[in-house]
């Protein structure tokens, strides 16, 4: 089974074609800032051609659902919904922060903190822990400034007090890194096709799916904010 993954919520958009055994057949990464809608479909045609496949070979779509760039979230969701309806295939929304944390699910001695710069001295953040190779959610996805973020960390820190800050951390406002309540391990990471595909498959195995007509992205902030 071939899975199409779509990520357009962060600064680097990615498309991927992944087999259900986790093998990434091909992926394309490109900046999210300009002509995103056109780039998505151009890159999709390129990926399919590289793998000798057509759109009809796609069996399901795993979509990075947000939070993140409002425009990117909206365009990615619109593209995924359109393709799912045209091809009559299942669509699975995956929270973007969860996909960021997924590669570190085997880390059992740190609080996993995927984070995305939300501008205006704020960040999108959620907390996870790794347990037995599984990713356990600790909090919902949140939009926070630095002080409430540090308060949240203090509430959930356990011994040993290590924090794995996951994402494009070099662009965060300095206040998020300053005066952190524990030792911080900043890990630069992107949302990968493998993570999206595996999390989508987990939802498939649980018997879940999303209706393309009603699927709502995770925004946390309105377009006017």
N, C-alpha and C. Protein backbone atom coordinates (compact mmCIF):
# COMPACT_ATOMS: atom_id res chain seq x y z
N UNK A 1 0.85 -1.19 0.00
CA UNK A 1 0.00 0.00 0.00
C UNK A 1 0.88 1.24 0.00
N UNK A 2 0.54 2.21 -0.83
CA UNK A 2 1.30 3.46 -0.91
C UNK A 2 0.54 4.58 -0.21
N UNK A 3 1.27 5.30 0.65
CA UNK A 3 0.69 6.38 1.45
C UNK A 3 1.30 7.70 0.98
N UNK A 4 0.46 8.66 0.68
CA UNK A 4 0.91 10.01 0.38
C UNK A 4 0.90 10.81 1.67
N UNK A 5 2.01 11.47 1.99
CA UNK A 5 2.06 12.34 3.16
C UNK A 5 2.21 13.79 2.71
N UNK A 6 1.52 14.68 3.42
CA UNK A 6 1.53 16.10 3.09
C UNK A 6 1.81 16.90 4.35
N UNK A 7 2.86 17.70 4.32
CA UNK A 7 3.19 18.61 5.43
C UNK A 7 3.42 20.01 4.86
N UNK A 8 2.61 20.96 5.30
CA UNK A 8 2.77 22.33 4.82
C UNK A 8 2.57 23.34 5.95
N UNK A 9 2.72 22.88 7.19
CA UNK A 9 2.42 23.72 8.35
C UNK A 9 3.63 24.47 8.89
N UNK A 10 4.83 24.02 8.53
CA UNK A 10 6.05 24.62 9.06
C UNK A 10 6.80 25.34 7.94
N UNK A 11 8.01 25.83 8.24
CA UNK A 11 8.76 26.59 7.25
C UNK A 11 9.20 25.75 6.06
N UNK A 12 9.33 24.44 6.27
CA UNK A 12 9.72 23.55 5.19
C UNK A 12 8.59 22.57 4.91
N UNK A 13 7.98 22.68 3.76
CA UNK A 13 6.92 21.74 3.36
C UNK A 13 7.54 20.46 2.82
N UNK A 14 6.86 19.36 3.03
CA UNK A 14 7.33 18.09 2.47
C UNK A 14 6.16 17.29 1.92
N UNK A 15 6.44 16.57 0.85
CA UNK A 15 5.56 15.54 0.34
C UNK A 15 6.33 14.23 0.36
N UNK A 16 5.65 13.15 0.64
CA UNK A 16 6.32 11.86 0.65
C UNK A 16 5.44 10.76 0.13
N UNK A 17 6.07 9.74 -0.42
CA UNK A 17 5.39 8.49 -0.78
C UNK A 17 6.03 7.39 0.07
N UNK A 18 5.21 6.73 0.88
CA UNK A 18 5.70 5.78 1.87
C UNK A 18 4.92 4.47 1.75
N UNK A 19 5.63 3.35 1.79
CA UNK A 19 4.93 2.06 1.83
C UNK A 19 4.45 1.79 3.25
N UNK A 20 3.50 0.88 3.38
CA UNK A 20 2.94 0.61 4.70
C UNK A 20 3.88 -0.15 5.61
N UNK A 21 5.06 -0.57 5.12
CA UNK A 21 6.09 -1.13 6.00
C UNK A 21 7.03 -0.05 6.53
N UNK A 22 6.74 1.22 6.21
CA UNK A 22 7.55 2.33 6.69
C UNK A 22 8.63 2.79 5.74
N UNK A 23 8.81 2.09 4.62
CA UNK A 23 9.83 2.48 3.65
C UNK A 23 9.43 3.76 2.92
N UNK A 24 10.29 4.77 2.98
CA UNK A 24 10.04 6.02 2.25
C UNK A 24 10.56 5.85 0.83
N UNK A 25 9.66 5.82 -0.14
CA UNK A 25 10.05 5.63 -1.54
C UNK A 25 10.65 6.90 -2.13
N UNK A 26 10.07 8.03 -1.79
CA UNK A 26 10.56 9.31 -2.31
C UNK A 26 9.96 10.42 -1.48
N UNK A 27 10.70 11.53 -1.38
CA UNK A 27 10.17 12.69 -0.68
C UNK A 27 10.73 13.96 -1.31
N UNK A 28 9.99 15.03 -1.16
CA UNK A 28 10.42 16.33 -1.69
C UNK A 28 10.20 17.37 -0.60
N UNK A 29 11.21 18.18 -0.35
CA UNK A 29 11.12 19.26 0.63
C UNK A 29 11.33 20.58 -0.08
N UNK A 30 10.57 21.59 0.29
CA UNK A 30 10.67 22.89 -0.37
C UNK A 30 10.14 23.97 0.57
N UNK A 31 10.58 25.21 0.41
CA UNK A 31 10.12 26.29 1.28
C UNK A 31 8.61 26.49 1.17
N UNK A 32 8.00 26.82 2.31
CA UNK A 32 6.54 26.97 2.34
C UNK A 32 6.07 28.37 2.01
N UNK A 33 7.02 29.29 1.82
CA UNK A 33 6.62 30.70 1.79
C UNK A 33 5.90 31.13 0.52
N UNK A 34 6.28 30.59 -0.64
CA UNK A 34 5.77 31.16 -1.88
C UNK A 34 5.11 30.08 -2.77
N UNK A 35 4.03 30.47 -3.43
CA UNK A 35 3.33 29.63 -4.41
C UNK A 35 3.16 28.19 -3.92
N UNK A 36 2.73 28.07 -2.66
CA UNK A 36 2.66 26.75 -2.04
C UNK A 36 1.67 25.84 -2.76
N UNK A 37 0.50 26.35 -3.10
CA UNK A 37 -0.52 25.50 -3.73
C UNK A 37 0.01 24.91 -5.04
N UNK A 38 0.66 25.73 -5.86
CA UNK A 38 1.21 25.23 -7.12
C UNK A 38 2.33 24.23 -6.88
N UNK A 39 3.21 24.53 -5.92
CA UNK A 39 4.35 23.66 -5.65
C UNK A 39 3.89 22.28 -5.19
N UNK A 40 2.84 22.22 -4.38
CA UNK A 40 2.38 20.92 -3.88
C UNK A 40 2.07 19.96 -5.01
N UNK A 41 1.30 20.41 -5.98
CA UNK A 41 0.87 19.51 -7.05
C UNK A 41 1.98 19.24 -8.06
N UNK A 42 2.84 20.24 -8.28
CA UNK A 42 4.00 20.00 -9.15
C UNK A 42 4.91 18.95 -8.53
N UNK A 43 5.18 19.07 -7.22
CA UNK A 43 6.04 18.10 -6.54
C UNK A 43 5.39 16.72 -6.49
N UNK A 44 4.07 16.68 -6.34
CA UNK A 44 3.39 15.39 -6.31
C UNK A 44 3.56 14.66 -7.64
N UNK A 45 3.40 15.37 -8.74
CA UNK A 45 3.59 14.73 -10.05
C UNK A 45 5.02 14.23 -10.20
N UNK A 46 5.99 15.01 -9.71
CA UNK A 46 7.39 14.59 -9.78
C UNK A 46 7.64 13.34 -8.95
N UNK A 47 7.08 13.30 -7.73
CA UNK A 47 7.27 12.13 -6.87
C UNK A 47 6.70 10.87 -7.51
N UNK A 48 5.50 10.98 -8.04
CA UNK A 48 4.87 9.82 -8.66
C UNK A 48 5.68 9.34 -9.85
N UNK A 49 6.15 10.28 -10.65
CA UNK A 49 6.95 9.92 -11.82
C UNK A 49 8.26 9.24 -11.40
N UNK A 50 8.90 9.73 -10.36
CA UNK A 50 10.14 9.15 -9.87
C UNK A 50 9.95 7.70 -9.43
N UNK A 51 8.79 7.40 -8.90
CA UNK A 51 8.52 6.05 -8.37
C UNK A 51 7.80 5.16 -9.39
N UNK A 52 7.52 5.71 -10.58
CA UNK A 52 6.80 4.92 -11.58
C UNK A 52 5.37 4.63 -11.18
N UNK A 53 4.74 5.58 -10.46
CA UNK A 53 3.39 5.40 -9.97
C UNK A 53 2.47 6.46 -10.56
N UNK A 54 1.18 6.27 -10.37
CA UNK A 54 0.18 7.28 -10.73
C UNK A 54 -0.64 7.60 -9.48
N UNK A 55 -1.49 8.59 -9.57
CA UNK A 55 -2.35 8.94 -8.43
C UNK A 55 -3.21 7.76 -8.00
N UNK A 56 -3.57 6.90 -8.95
CA UNK A 56 -4.41 5.76 -8.60
C UNK A 56 -3.69 4.72 -7.75
N UNK A 57 -2.37 4.84 -7.63
CA UNK A 57 -1.62 3.92 -6.77
C UNK A 57 -1.60 4.38 -5.31
N UNK A 58 -2.08 5.58 -5.04
CA UNK A 58 -2.12 6.09 -3.67
C UNK A 58 -3.33 5.48 -2.97
N UNK A 59 -3.07 4.81 -1.83
CA UNK A 59 -4.14 4.12 -1.12
C UNK A 59 -4.70 4.93 0.05
N UNK A 60 -3.91 5.85 0.59
CA UNK A 60 -4.39 6.69 1.68
C UNK A 60 -3.50 7.93 1.78
N UNK A 61 -4.00 8.94 2.49
CA UNK A 61 -3.28 10.20 2.68
C UNK A 61 -3.13 10.45 4.16
N UNK A 62 -1.91 10.80 4.59
CA UNK A 62 -1.66 11.23 5.97
C UNK A 62 -1.28 12.71 5.92
N UNK A 63 -2.10 13.53 6.53
CA UNK A 63 -1.96 14.98 6.45
C UNK A 63 -1.46 15.55 7.76
N UNK A 64 -0.44 16.39 7.69
CA UNK A 64 -0.01 17.18 8.85
C UNK A 64 -1.07 18.25 9.09
N UNK A 65 -1.73 18.18 10.25
CA UNK A 65 -2.99 18.88 10.46
C UNK A 65 -2.84 20.25 11.11
N UNK A 66 -1.63 20.62 11.51
CA UNK A 66 -1.43 21.85 12.24
C UNK A 66 -1.25 21.53 13.73
N UNK A 67 -0.93 22.57 14.50
CA UNK A 67 -0.90 24.00 14.18
C UNK A 67 0.37 24.37 13.41
N UNK A 68 0.37 25.61 12.95
CA UNK A 68 1.50 26.12 12.20
C UNK A 68 1.08 27.34 11.40
N UNK A 69 1.77 27.57 10.30
CA UNK A 69 1.43 28.68 9.42
C UNK A 69 -0.03 28.58 8.99
N UNK A 70 -0.81 29.64 9.24
CA UNK A 70 -2.24 29.58 8.92
C UNK A 70 -2.46 29.27 7.45
N UNK A 71 -1.73 29.96 6.58
CA UNK A 71 -1.90 29.73 5.14
C UNK A 71 -1.46 28.32 4.77
N UNK A 72 -0.32 27.87 5.32
CA UNK A 72 0.17 26.54 5.01
C UNK A 72 -0.79 25.46 5.46
N UNK A 73 -1.31 25.59 6.69
CA UNK A 73 -2.28 24.61 7.19
C UNK A 73 -3.49 24.55 6.27
N UNK A 74 -4.00 25.72 5.89
CA UNK A 74 -5.20 25.77 5.05
C UNK A 74 -4.96 25.14 3.69
N UNK A 75 -3.84 25.47 3.04
CA UNK A 75 -3.57 24.95 1.70
C UNK A 75 -3.32 23.45 1.73
N UNK A 76 -2.55 22.98 2.70
CA UNK A 76 -2.30 21.55 2.81
C UNK A 76 -3.58 20.77 3.03
N UNK A 77 -4.45 21.27 3.90
CA UNK A 77 -5.72 20.60 4.17
C UNK A 77 -6.60 20.59 2.93
N UNK A 78 -6.66 21.70 2.21
CA UNK A 78 -7.48 21.76 1.00
C UNK A 78 -6.99 20.77 -0.04
N UNK A 79 -5.66 20.68 -0.22
CA UNK A 79 -5.10 19.74 -1.19
C UNK A 79 -5.40 18.30 -0.80
N UNK A 80 -5.22 17.98 0.48
CA UNK A 80 -5.47 16.61 0.94
C UNK A 80 -6.94 16.21 0.80
N UNK A 81 -7.82 17.13 1.15
CA UNK A 81 -9.25 16.84 1.04
C UNK A 81 -9.65 16.62 -0.41
N UNK A 82 -9.14 17.48 -1.29
CA UNK A 82 -9.47 17.36 -2.72
C UNK A 82 -9.01 16.02 -3.27
N UNK A 83 -7.77 15.65 -2.98
CA UNK A 83 -7.24 14.37 -3.48
C UNK A 83 -7.99 13.19 -2.90
N UNK A 84 -8.30 13.24 -1.62
CA UNK A 84 -9.01 12.12 -0.99
C UNK A 84 -10.38 11.92 -1.62
N UNK A 85 -11.07 13.01 -1.92
CA UNK A 85 -12.39 12.89 -2.54
C UNK A 85 -12.29 12.44 -3.99
N UNK A 86 -11.33 12.99 -4.74
CA UNK A 86 -11.18 12.61 -6.15
C UNK A 86 -10.79 11.14 -6.30
N UNK A 87 -9.92 10.66 -5.41
CA UNK A 87 -9.42 9.28 -5.52
C UNK A 87 -10.24 8.30 -4.70
N UNK A 88 -11.17 8.84 -3.90
CA UNK A 88 -12.01 8.00 -3.03
C UNK A 88 -11.16 7.11 -2.13
N UNK A 89 -10.21 7.75 -1.42
CA UNK A 89 -9.32 7.03 -0.51
C UNK A 89 -9.40 7.66 0.87
N UNK A 90 -9.04 6.92 1.92
CA UNK A 90 -9.13 7.46 3.28
C UNK A 90 -8.10 8.54 3.54
N UNK A 91 -8.49 9.47 4.40
CA UNK A 91 -7.65 10.60 4.79
C UNK A 91 -7.50 10.57 6.31
N UNK A 92 -6.26 10.72 6.78
CA UNK A 92 -5.99 10.71 8.22
C UNK A 92 -5.24 11.98 8.60
N UNK A 93 -5.84 12.78 9.46
CA UNK A 93 -5.16 13.97 9.95
C UNK A 93 -4.26 13.62 11.12
N UNK A 94 -3.04 14.13 11.10
CA UNK A 94 -2.06 13.87 12.16
C UNK A 94 -1.62 15.22 12.74
N UNK A 95 -1.77 15.45 14.05
CA UNK A 95 -1.30 16.70 14.62
C UNK A 95 0.19 16.92 14.33
N UNK A 96 0.53 18.09 13.86
CA UNK A 96 1.91 18.37 13.44
C UNK A 96 2.90 18.21 14.58
N UNK A 97 2.54 18.67 15.77
CA UNK A 97 3.44 18.55 16.92
C UNK A 97 3.68 17.09 17.30
N UNK A 98 2.66 16.27 17.16
CA UNK A 98 2.82 14.84 17.44
C UNK A 98 3.79 14.20 16.44
N UNK A 99 3.67 14.60 15.17
CA UNK A 99 4.59 14.07 14.16
C UNK A 99 6.03 14.51 14.43
N UNK A 100 6.21 15.72 14.94
CA UNK A 100 7.56 16.18 15.30
C UNK A 100 8.16 15.32 16.41
N UNK A 101 7.34 14.93 17.37
CA UNK A 101 7.84 14.16 18.51
C UNK A 101 8.04 12.68 18.18
N UNK A 102 7.36 12.18 17.18
CA UNK A 102 7.33 10.74 16.90
C UNK A 102 8.71 10.09 16.79
N UNK A 103 9.68 10.67 16.09
CA UNK A 103 10.98 9.99 15.97
C UNK A 103 11.69 9.77 17.31
N UNK A 104 11.29 10.50 18.37
CA UNK A 104 11.94 10.37 19.68
C UNK A 104 11.10 9.56 20.66
N UNK A 105 10.17 8.78 20.17
CA UNK A 105 9.27 8.02 21.04
C UNK A 105 10.00 6.99 21.90
N UNK A 106 11.22 6.62 21.53
CA UNK A 106 11.99 5.65 22.32
C UNK A 106 12.75 6.32 23.47
N UNK A 107 12.73 7.66 23.53
CA UNK A 107 13.41 8.37 24.62
C UNK A 107 12.51 8.34 25.85
N UNK A 108 12.88 7.56 26.84
CA UNK A 108 12.03 7.41 28.03
C UNK A 108 12.51 8.25 29.20
N UNK A 109 13.65 8.92 29.07
CA UNK A 109 14.20 9.67 30.21
C UNK A 109 14.15 11.17 29.99
N UNK A 110 13.28 11.63 29.09
CA UNK A 110 13.17 13.07 28.83
C UNK A 110 11.72 13.43 28.55
N UNK A 111 11.37 14.64 28.88
CA UNK A 111 10.08 15.19 28.48
C UNK A 111 10.23 15.69 27.06
N UNK A 112 9.41 15.17 26.14
CA UNK A 112 9.50 15.54 24.73
C UNK A 112 8.64 16.77 24.48
N UNK A 113 9.26 17.79 23.91
CA UNK A 113 8.59 19.09 23.75
C UNK A 113 8.70 19.55 22.30
N UNK A 114 7.83 19.06 21.42
CA UNK A 114 7.80 19.60 20.05
C UNK A 114 7.30 21.04 20.08
N UNK A 115 7.94 21.89 19.28
CA UNK A 115 7.63 23.31 19.35
C UNK A 115 7.77 23.95 17.97
N UNK A 116 6.85 24.87 17.66
CA UNK A 116 6.85 25.58 16.38
C UNK A 116 6.73 27.07 16.67
N UNK A 117 7.58 27.86 16.09
CA UNK A 117 7.53 29.31 16.26
C UNK A 117 6.22 29.84 15.70
N UNK A 118 5.44 30.50 16.55
CA UNK A 118 4.16 31.08 16.13
C UNK A 118 4.25 32.58 15.89
N UNK A 119 5.49 33.11 15.95
CA UNK A 119 5.73 34.56 15.81
C UNK A 119 5.11 35.30 16.99
N UNK A 120 5.26 36.59 17.01
CA UNK A 120 4.69 37.47 18.04
C UNK A 120 5.06 36.99 19.44
N UNK A 121 6.29 36.50 19.59
CA UNK A 121 6.81 36.04 20.88
C UNK A 121 6.00 34.89 21.48
N UNK A 122 5.42 34.06 20.59
CA UNK A 122 4.66 32.90 21.03
C UNK A 122 5.12 31.66 20.26
N UNK A 123 4.70 30.51 20.77
CA UNK A 123 5.04 29.25 20.12
C UNK A 123 3.88 28.27 20.27
N UNK A 124 3.74 27.39 19.28
CA UNK A 124 2.85 26.25 19.39
C UNK A 124 3.63 25.12 20.05
N UNK A 125 3.04 24.51 21.05
CA UNK A 125 3.79 23.51 21.81
C UNK A 125 2.84 22.45 22.37
N UNK A 126 3.34 21.25 22.55
CA UNK A 126 2.66 20.21 23.32
C UNK A 126 3.72 19.35 23.99
N UNK A 127 3.32 18.57 24.96
CA UNK A 127 4.25 17.74 25.71
C UNK A 127 3.90 16.27 25.51
N UNK A 128 4.97 15.45 25.37
CA UNK A 128 4.82 14.00 25.21
C UNK A 128 5.86 13.30 26.05
N UNK A 129 5.63 12.01 26.30
CA UNK A 129 6.64 11.14 26.87
C UNK A 129 6.73 9.87 26.02
N UNK A 130 7.92 9.30 25.98
CA UNK A 130 8.09 8.01 25.33
C UNK A 130 7.99 6.90 26.35
N UNK A 131 7.26 5.87 26.00
CA UNK A 131 7.09 4.73 26.92
C UNK A 131 6.95 3.45 26.12
N UNK A 132 7.94 2.56 26.26
CA UNK A 132 7.89 1.28 25.56
C UNK A 132 7.85 1.43 24.06
N UNK A 133 8.48 2.47 23.52
CA UNK A 133 8.47 2.69 22.09
C UNK A 133 7.22 3.36 21.57
N UNK A 134 6.31 3.73 22.48
CA UNK A 134 5.08 4.43 22.08
C UNK A 134 5.17 5.89 22.52
N UNK A 135 4.43 6.73 21.84
CA UNK A 135 4.40 8.16 22.14
C UNK A 135 3.13 8.46 22.94
N UNK A 136 3.30 8.95 24.15
CA UNK A 136 2.17 9.23 25.03
C UNK A 136 1.99 10.74 25.16
N UNK A 137 0.79 11.21 24.85
CA UNK A 137 0.52 12.64 24.93
C UNK A 137 0.30 13.05 26.38
N UNK A 138 0.94 14.16 26.77
CA UNK A 138 0.81 14.69 28.12
C UNK A 138 -0.13 15.89 28.15
N UNK A 139 -0.07 16.75 27.13
CA UNK A 139 -0.94 17.92 27.06
C UNK A 139 -1.55 18.04 25.66
N UNK A 140 -2.55 18.86 25.58
CA UNK A 140 -3.11 19.23 24.28
C UNK A 140 -2.12 20.15 23.56
N UNK A 141 -2.39 20.43 22.30
CA UNK A 141 -1.61 21.43 21.56
C UNK A 141 -1.99 22.82 22.09
N UNK A 142 -0.98 23.65 22.35
CA UNK A 142 -1.21 24.93 23.00
C UNK A 142 -0.47 26.04 22.26
N UNK A 143 -0.96 27.26 22.41
CA UNK A 143 -0.29 28.47 21.92
C UNK A 143 0.12 29.27 23.15
N UNK A 144 1.45 29.39 23.37
CA UNK A 144 1.94 29.98 24.61
C UNK A 144 3.03 31.00 24.36
N UNK A 145 3.14 31.97 25.27
CA UNK A 145 4.32 32.81 25.35
C UNK A 145 5.31 32.15 26.31
N UNK A 146 6.49 32.75 26.49
CA UNK A 146 7.57 32.06 27.21
C UNK A 146 7.24 31.76 28.66
N UNK A 147 6.68 32.72 29.39
CA UNK A 147 6.45 32.50 30.83
C UNK A 147 5.44 31.38 31.08
N UNK A 148 4.27 31.37 30.43
CA UNK A 148 3.36 30.22 30.61
C UNK A 148 3.98 28.90 30.14
N UNK A 149 4.83 28.96 29.12
CA UNK A 149 5.52 27.76 28.65
C UNK A 149 6.41 27.19 29.75
N UNK A 150 7.20 28.03 30.41
CA UNK A 150 8.05 27.56 31.49
C UNK A 150 7.23 27.03 32.66
N UNK A 151 6.09 27.67 32.96
CA UNK A 151 5.21 27.18 34.02
C UNK A 151 4.68 25.78 33.68
N UNK A 152 4.34 25.58 32.42
CA UNK A 152 3.83 24.27 31.98
C UNK A 152 4.91 23.20 32.16
N UNK A 153 6.14 23.52 31.80
CA UNK A 153 7.23 22.56 31.95
C UNK A 153 7.42 22.17 33.41
N UNK A 154 7.36 23.15 34.30
CA UNK A 154 7.54 22.87 35.72
C UNK A 154 6.47 21.92 36.24
N UNK A 155 5.26 22.05 35.72
CA UNK A 155 4.16 21.19 36.16
C UNK A 155 4.39 19.72 35.81
N UNK A 156 5.09 19.48 34.70
CA UNK A 156 5.17 18.12 34.17
C UNK A 156 6.55 17.50 34.21
N UNK A 157 7.53 18.23 34.68
CA UNK A 157 8.87 17.67 34.75
C UNK A 157 8.96 16.59 35.82
N UNK A 158 9.70 15.53 35.51
CA UNK A 158 9.98 14.46 36.47
C UNK A 158 11.48 14.23 36.45
N UNK A 159 11.97 13.47 37.41
CA UNK A 159 13.39 13.14 37.43
C UNK A 159 13.68 11.96 36.50
N UNK A 160 14.79 11.96 35.74
CA UNK A 160 15.71 13.09 35.61
C UNK A 160 15.09 14.21 34.78
N UNK A 161 15.39 15.43 35.17
CA UNK A 161 14.73 16.60 34.58
C UNK A 161 15.44 17.00 33.29
N UNK A 162 15.17 16.27 32.21
CA UNK A 162 15.73 16.58 30.90
C UNK A 162 14.60 16.97 29.96
N UNK A 163 14.85 17.97 29.15
CA UNK A 163 13.88 18.42 28.17
C UNK A 163 14.45 18.24 26.77
N UNK A 164 13.72 17.58 25.90
CA UNK A 164 14.10 17.51 24.49
C UNK A 164 13.20 18.46 23.73
N UNK A 165 13.76 19.60 23.31
CA UNK A 165 13.02 20.62 22.58
C UNK A 165 13.17 20.31 21.10
N UNK A 166 12.07 19.99 20.43
CA UNK A 166 12.12 19.39 19.10
C UNK A 166 11.48 20.32 18.08
N UNK A 167 12.20 20.62 17.01
CA UNK A 167 11.64 21.44 15.94
C UNK A 167 12.71 22.30 15.31
N UNK A 168 12.30 23.40 14.70
CA UNK A 168 13.24 24.35 14.13
C UNK A 168 13.58 25.37 15.22
N UNK A 169 14.33 24.88 16.22
CA UNK A 169 14.48 25.60 17.47
C UNK A 169 15.33 26.87 17.35
N UNK A 170 16.17 26.95 16.32
CA UNK A 170 17.04 28.11 16.22
C UNK A 170 16.26 29.39 15.94
N UNK A 171 15.03 29.30 15.49
CA UNK A 171 14.25 30.49 15.19
C UNK A 171 13.33 30.94 16.31
N UNK A 172 13.36 30.24 17.44
CA UNK A 172 12.47 30.59 18.54
C UNK A 172 12.90 31.90 19.21
N UNK A 173 11.94 32.63 19.79
CA UNK A 173 12.33 33.80 20.59
C UNK A 173 13.26 33.36 21.72
N UNK A 174 14.31 34.14 22.01
CA UNK A 174 15.29 33.74 23.04
C UNK A 174 14.68 33.42 24.39
N UNK A 175 13.56 34.06 24.72
CA UNK A 175 12.96 33.85 26.04
C UNK A 175 12.53 32.40 26.26
N UNK A 176 12.25 31.66 25.20
CA UNK A 176 11.84 30.26 25.36
C UNK A 176 13.00 29.39 25.82
N UNK A 177 14.22 29.75 25.46
CA UNK A 177 15.39 28.99 25.84
C UNK A 177 15.99 29.49 27.16
N UNK A 178 15.80 30.78 27.46
CA UNK A 178 16.39 31.36 28.67
C UNK A 178 15.61 30.94 29.90
N UNK A 179 16.33 30.68 30.98
CA UNK A 179 15.72 30.37 32.28
C UNK A 179 14.78 29.17 32.23
N UNK A 180 15.06 28.22 31.36
CA UNK A 180 14.26 26.99 31.33
C UNK A 180 14.43 26.26 32.66
N UNK A 181 13.40 25.56 33.13
CA UNK A 181 13.46 24.94 34.46
C UNK A 181 14.25 23.64 34.52
N UNK A 182 14.92 23.26 33.44
CA UNK A 182 15.73 22.03 33.43
C UNK A 182 16.71 22.13 32.27
N UNK A 183 17.60 21.15 32.19
CA UNK A 183 18.56 21.12 31.10
C UNK A 183 17.83 20.84 29.80
N UNK A 184 18.07 21.69 28.81
CA UNK A 184 17.37 21.59 27.53
C UNK A 184 18.30 21.00 26.48
N UNK A 185 17.79 20.00 25.74
CA UNK A 185 18.50 19.44 24.60
C UNK A 185 17.76 19.88 23.34
N UNK A 186 18.21 20.96 22.68
CA UNK A 186 17.52 21.40 21.46
C UNK A 186 17.83 20.46 20.30
N UNK A 187 16.81 19.93 19.69
CA UNK A 187 16.97 18.98 18.59
C UNK A 187 16.25 19.52 17.36
N UNK A 188 17.04 19.97 16.38
CA UNK A 188 16.44 20.48 15.16
C UNK A 188 15.81 19.32 14.40
N UNK A 189 14.56 19.44 14.06
CA UNK A 189 13.86 18.33 13.41
C UNK A 189 12.77 18.88 12.50
N UNK A 190 12.45 18.11 11.48
CA UNK A 190 11.34 18.42 10.58
C UNK A 190 10.26 17.36 10.72
N UNK A 191 9.08 17.67 10.24
CA UNK A 191 8.01 16.67 10.16
C UNK A 191 8.34 15.75 8.99
N UNK A 192 8.56 14.48 9.25
CA UNK A 192 9.00 13.56 8.21
C UNK A 192 7.86 12.77 7.60
N UNK A 193 7.98 12.37 6.33
CA UNK A 193 6.97 11.49 5.73
C UNK A 193 6.80 10.20 6.51
N UNK A 194 7.90 9.64 7.03
CA UNK A 194 7.80 8.39 7.79
C UNK A 194 6.91 8.57 9.02
N UNK A 195 7.12 9.66 9.77
CA UNK A 195 6.32 9.89 10.97
C UNK A 195 4.85 10.06 10.63
N UNK A 196 4.55 10.85 9.62
CA UNK A 196 3.15 11.05 9.23
C UNK A 196 2.50 9.74 8.79
N UNK A 197 3.22 8.96 7.99
CA UNK A 197 2.67 7.70 7.50
C UNK A 197 2.40 6.72 8.64
N UNK A 198 3.35 6.59 9.56
CA UNK A 198 3.19 5.64 10.66
C UNK A 198 2.07 6.06 11.60
N UNK A 199 1.96 7.35 11.88
CA UNK A 199 0.87 7.81 12.74
C UNK A 199 -0.48 7.68 12.04
N UNK A 200 -0.49 7.89 10.72
CA UNK A 200 -1.72 7.65 9.97
C UNK A 200 -2.12 6.19 10.01
N UNK A 201 -1.14 5.30 9.86
CA UNK A 201 -1.43 3.85 9.92
C UNK A 201 -1.93 3.44 11.30
N UNK A 202 -1.41 4.05 12.35
CA UNK A 202 -1.90 3.75 13.70
C UNK A 202 -3.39 4.08 13.80
N UNK A 203 -3.79 5.19 13.21
CA UNK A 203 -5.21 5.55 13.22
C UNK A 203 -6.02 4.56 12.39
N UNK A 204 -5.48 4.14 11.25
CA UNK A 204 -6.16 3.14 10.42
C UNK A 204 -6.37 1.85 11.20
N UNK A 205 -5.35 1.42 11.93
CA UNK A 205 -5.44 0.18 12.69
C UNK A 205 -6.44 0.30 13.84
N UNK A 206 -6.67 1.50 14.32
CA UNK A 206 -7.67 1.71 15.37
C UNK A 206 -9.07 1.87 14.80
N UNK A 207 -9.17 1.80 13.48
CA UNK A 207 -10.49 1.92 12.85
C UNK A 207 -10.96 3.34 12.70
N UNK A 208 -10.05 4.30 12.78
CA UNK A 208 -10.41 5.70 12.67
C UNK A 208 -10.19 6.19 11.23
N UNK A 209 -10.90 7.22 10.88
CA UNK A 209 -10.66 7.91 9.61
C UNK A 209 -11.24 9.30 9.73
N UNK A 210 -10.95 10.16 8.77
CA UNK A 210 -11.49 11.51 8.77
C UNK A 210 -12.33 11.72 7.52
N UNK A 211 -13.44 12.40 7.68
CA UNK A 211 -14.29 12.75 6.56
C UNK A 211 -13.69 13.98 5.87
N UNK A 212 -13.31 13.86 4.60
CA UNK A 212 -12.72 15.02 3.92
C UNK A 212 -13.63 16.25 3.91
N UNK A 213 -14.93 16.03 4.00
CA UNK A 213 -15.85 17.16 3.97
C UNK A 213 -15.86 17.94 5.28
N UNK A 214 -15.55 17.26 6.39
CA UNK A 214 -15.69 17.91 7.70
C UNK A 214 -14.39 18.02 8.48
N UNK A 215 -13.30 17.47 7.96
CA UNK A 215 -12.03 17.54 8.67
C UNK A 215 -11.63 18.99 8.93
N UNK A 216 -11.34 19.30 10.19
CA UNK A 216 -10.97 20.65 10.57
C UNK A 216 -9.51 20.69 11.00
N UNK A 217 -8.69 21.51 10.35
CA UNK A 217 -7.28 21.63 10.77
C UNK A 217 -7.17 22.21 12.18
N UNK A 218 -5.98 22.08 12.76
CA UNK A 218 -5.70 22.64 14.08
C UNK A 218 -5.04 24.00 13.86
N UNK A 219 -5.77 25.06 14.15
CA UNK A 219 -5.23 26.41 13.92
C UNK A 219 -4.69 27.04 15.20
N UNK A 220 -5.48 27.03 16.29
CA UNK A 220 -5.16 27.66 17.57
C UNK A 220 -5.13 29.17 17.51
N UNK A 221 -5.02 29.73 16.33
CA UNK A 221 -5.01 31.18 16.15
C UNK A 221 -5.79 31.48 14.88
N UNK A 222 -6.58 32.55 14.90
CA UNK A 222 -7.35 32.90 13.71
C UNK A 222 -6.46 33.62 12.70
N UNK A 223 -6.94 33.70 11.46
CA UNK A 223 -6.17 34.37 10.42
C UNK A 223 -5.97 35.85 10.72
N UNK A 224 -6.90 36.41 11.49
CA UNK A 224 -6.82 37.85 11.79
C UNK A 224 -5.88 38.17 12.94
N UNK A 225 -5.48 37.16 13.73
CA UNK A 225 -4.64 37.38 14.90
C UNK A 225 -3.18 37.60 14.51
